[in-house]
Amino acid sequence: MAFELIKDAMKQSATDPNTGMIDMDLIVTGTSSGGRKRIDQFVQIFKDLFKANASDFIGKKIGF
């Protein structure tokens, strides 16, 4: 009985809506592990874009 209550509580509070699987990272950090991986991928993409275009911005004066 207690095991079923714990299992049901985990299922309700830690189920990743994208995968439908229980993800304890959702409870610990507030973000699912898949969500965190997607954020890391976006950050890396933006870093790569800024690095690729850094020479376009360095030394140029922006007039407003």
N, C-alpha and C. Protein backbone atom coordinates (compact mmCIF):
# COMPACT_ATOMS: atom_id res chain seq x y z
N MET A 1 0.82 -1.19 0.00
CA MET A 1 0.00 0.00 0.00
C MET A 1 0.87 1.26 0.00
N ALA A 2 1.85 1.34 0.90
CA ALA A 2 2.71 2.52 0.96
C ALA A 2 3.52 2.66 -0.33
N PHE A 3 3.97 1.53 -0.88
CA PHE A 3 4.73 1.56 -2.12
C PHE A 3 3.88 2.14 -3.25
N GLU A 4 2.64 1.75 -3.33
CA GLU A 4 1.74 2.25 -4.37
C GLU A 4 1.51 3.75 -4.22
N LEU A 5 1.41 4.24 -2.98
CA LEU A 5 1.23 5.68 -2.76
C LEU A 5 2.46 6.46 -3.21
N ILE A 6 3.63 5.94 -2.87
CA ILE A 6 4.87 6.61 -3.28
C ILE A 6 5.00 6.59 -4.80
N LYS A 7 4.72 5.46 -5.39
CA LYS A 7 4.80 5.32 -6.85
C LYS A 7 3.84 6.30 -7.54
N ASP A 8 2.62 6.39 -7.03
CA ASP A 8 1.64 7.29 -7.62
C ASP A 8 2.05 8.76 -7.43
N ALA A 9 2.59 9.10 -6.27
CA ALA A 9 3.04 10.47 -6.02
C ALA A 9 4.18 10.84 -6.97
N MET A 10 5.13 9.92 -7.17
CA MET A 10 6.23 10.18 -8.09
C MET A 10 5.72 10.34 -9.52
N LYS A 11 4.77 9.50 -9.88
CA LYS A 11 4.23 9.56 -11.23
C LYS A 11 3.56 10.90 -11.48
N GLN A 12 2.85 11.41 -10.50
CA GLN A 12 2.16 12.69 -10.66
C GLN A 12 3.10 13.88 -10.67
N SER A 13 4.13 13.82 -9.86
CA SER A 13 4.99 15.00 -9.70
C SER A 13 6.24 14.99 -10.56
N ALA A 14 6.66 13.83 -11.05
CA ALA A 14 7.94 13.76 -11.76
C ALA A 14 7.81 13.24 -13.18
N THR A 15 6.62 13.22 -13.74
CA THR A 15 6.46 12.73 -15.10
C THR A 15 6.79 13.85 -16.08
N ASP A 16 7.74 13.56 -16.95
CA ASP A 16 8.12 14.51 -17.99
C ASP A 16 7.00 14.54 -19.03
N PRO A 17 6.40 15.69 -19.28
CA PRO A 17 5.27 15.74 -20.22
C PRO A 17 5.67 15.41 -21.65
N ASN A 18 6.94 15.60 -22.00
CA ASN A 18 7.38 15.31 -23.36
C ASN A 18 7.61 13.83 -23.61
N THR A 19 8.11 13.12 -22.60
CA THR A 19 8.43 11.71 -22.78
C THR A 19 7.42 10.78 -22.13
N GLY A 20 6.70 11.29 -21.13
CA GLY A 20 5.77 10.45 -20.39
C GLY A 20 6.44 9.55 -19.38
N MET A 21 7.74 9.72 -19.19
CA MET A 21 8.51 8.89 -18.26
C MET A 21 8.79 9.66 -16.97
N ILE A 22 9.00 8.93 -15.90
CA ILE A 22 9.34 9.55 -14.63
C ILE A 22 10.78 10.05 -14.71
N ASP A 23 10.98 11.32 -14.39
CA ASP A 23 12.28 11.97 -14.46
C ASP A 23 12.53 12.68 -13.13
N MET A 24 13.38 12.13 -12.29
CA MET A 24 13.64 12.70 -10.97
C MET A 24 14.32 14.06 -11.05
N ASP A 25 14.97 14.37 -12.17
CA ASP A 25 15.55 15.70 -12.33
C ASP A 25 14.48 16.78 -12.27
N LEU A 26 13.28 16.43 -12.69
CA LEU A 26 12.17 17.38 -12.66
C LEU A 26 11.87 17.80 -11.23
N ILE A 27 11.97 16.89 -10.28
CA ILE A 27 11.74 17.21 -8.87
C ILE A 27 12.93 17.96 -8.29
N VAL A 28 14.13 17.48 -8.58
CA VAL A 28 15.34 18.04 -7.97
C VAL A 28 15.65 19.43 -8.50
N THR A 29 15.59 19.62 -9.81
CA THR A 29 16.01 20.90 -10.40
C THR A 29 14.87 21.74 -10.94
N GLY A 30 13.70 21.14 -11.12
CA GLY A 30 12.58 21.87 -11.70
C GLY A 30 12.56 21.81 -13.21
N THR A 31 13.57 21.21 -13.81
CA THR A 31 13.66 21.06 -15.25
C THR A 31 13.98 19.61 -15.56
N SER A 32 13.32 19.07 -16.57
CA SER A 32 13.59 17.68 -16.93
C SER A 32 14.98 17.56 -17.55
N SER A 33 15.54 16.38 -17.53
CA SER A 33 16.87 16.20 -18.11
C SER A 33 16.84 16.46 -19.62
N GLY A 34 15.75 16.09 -20.28
CA GLY A 34 15.62 16.38 -21.70
C GLY A 34 15.54 17.87 -21.97
N GLY A 35 14.80 18.58 -21.12
CA GLY A 35 14.70 20.03 -21.26
C GLY A 35 16.03 20.72 -21.06
N ARG A 36 16.78 20.23 -20.07
CA ARG A 36 18.10 20.80 -19.80
C ARG A 36 19.05 20.55 -20.98
N LYS A 37 18.95 19.38 -21.59
CA LYS A 37 19.79 19.07 -22.76
C LYS A 37 19.45 19.99 -23.92
N ARG A 38 18.15 20.25 -24.13
CA ARG A 38 17.74 21.16 -25.21
C ARG A 38 18.25 22.58 -24.95
N ILE A 39 18.19 23.02 -23.72
CA ILE A 39 18.71 24.35 -23.38
C ILE A 39 20.21 24.41 -23.65
N ASP A 40 20.93 23.38 -23.24
CA ASP A 40 22.38 23.33 -23.49
C ASP A 40 22.70 23.36 -24.99
N GLN A 41 21.88 22.68 -25.78
CA GLN A 41 22.08 22.69 -27.23
C GLN A 41 21.87 24.08 -27.81
N PHE A 42 20.82 24.77 -27.36
CA PHE A 42 20.57 26.14 -27.83
C PHE A 42 21.71 27.07 -27.44
N VAL A 43 22.18 26.95 -26.21
CA VAL A 43 23.29 27.79 -25.75
C VAL A 43 24.51 27.55 -26.62
N GLN A 44 24.80 26.30 -26.92
CA GLN A 44 25.97 25.98 -27.76
C GLN A 44 25.80 26.54 -29.16
N ILE A 45 24.61 26.45 -29.72
CA ILE A 45 24.35 27.00 -31.05
C ILE A 45 24.59 28.51 -31.06
N PHE A 46 24.09 29.22 -30.03
CA PHE A 46 24.30 30.67 -29.97
C PHE A 46 25.77 31.01 -29.78
N LYS A 47 26.48 30.25 -28.97
CA LYS A 47 27.92 30.49 -28.79
C LYS A 47 28.64 30.33 -30.12
N ASP A 48 28.31 29.27 -30.85
CA ASP A 48 28.95 29.04 -32.14
C ASP A 48 28.65 30.17 -33.12
N LEU A 49 27.40 30.65 -33.12
CA LEU A 49 27.04 31.75 -34.01
C LEU A 49 27.81 33.02 -33.66
N PHE A 50 27.91 33.32 -32.38
CA PHE A 50 28.64 34.52 -31.97
C PHE A 50 30.13 34.40 -32.30
N LYS A 51 30.69 33.22 -32.11
CA LYS A 51 32.10 33.02 -32.47
C LYS A 51 32.32 33.20 -33.96
N ALA A 52 31.41 32.64 -34.76
CA ALA A 52 31.54 32.73 -36.21
C ALA A 52 31.41 34.17 -36.70
N ASN A 53 30.62 34.97 -36.00
CA ASN A 53 30.38 36.34 -36.44
C ASN A 53 31.11 37.38 -35.60
N ALA A 54 31.98 36.95 -34.71
CA ALA A 54 32.66 37.88 -33.81
C ALA A 54 33.49 38.89 -34.59
N SER A 55 34.13 38.47 -35.65
CA SER A 55 34.97 39.41 -36.40
C SER A 55 34.14 40.51 -37.05
N ASP A 56 32.88 40.26 -37.29
CA ASP A 56 32.02 41.29 -37.87
C ASP A 56 31.71 42.41 -36.88
N PHE A 57 31.78 42.10 -35.59
CA PHE A 57 31.39 43.07 -34.56
C PHE A 57 32.59 43.74 -33.90
N ILE A 58 33.72 43.09 -33.88
CA ILE A 58 34.88 43.63 -33.19
C ILE A 58 35.43 44.83 -33.96
N GLY A 59 35.62 45.92 -33.27
CA GLY A 59 36.21 47.11 -33.85
C GLY A 59 35.26 47.99 -34.65
N LYS A 60 34.02 47.61 -34.76
CA LYS A 60 33.07 48.43 -35.50
C LYS A 60 32.29 49.30 -34.52
N LYS A 61 32.07 50.52 -34.92
CA LYS A 61 31.31 51.43 -34.11
C LYS A 61 29.85 51.37 -34.54
N ILE A 62 29.00 51.19 -33.57
CA ILE A 62 27.57 51.12 -33.87
C ILE A 62 26.98 52.50 -33.63
N GLY A 63 26.39 53.07 -34.64
CA GLY A 63 25.79 54.39 -34.51
C GLY A 63 24.30 54.31 -34.31
N PHE A 64 23.85 54.93 -33.26
CA PHE A 64 22.40 54.97 -32.99
C PHE A 64 21.92 56.38 -33.08
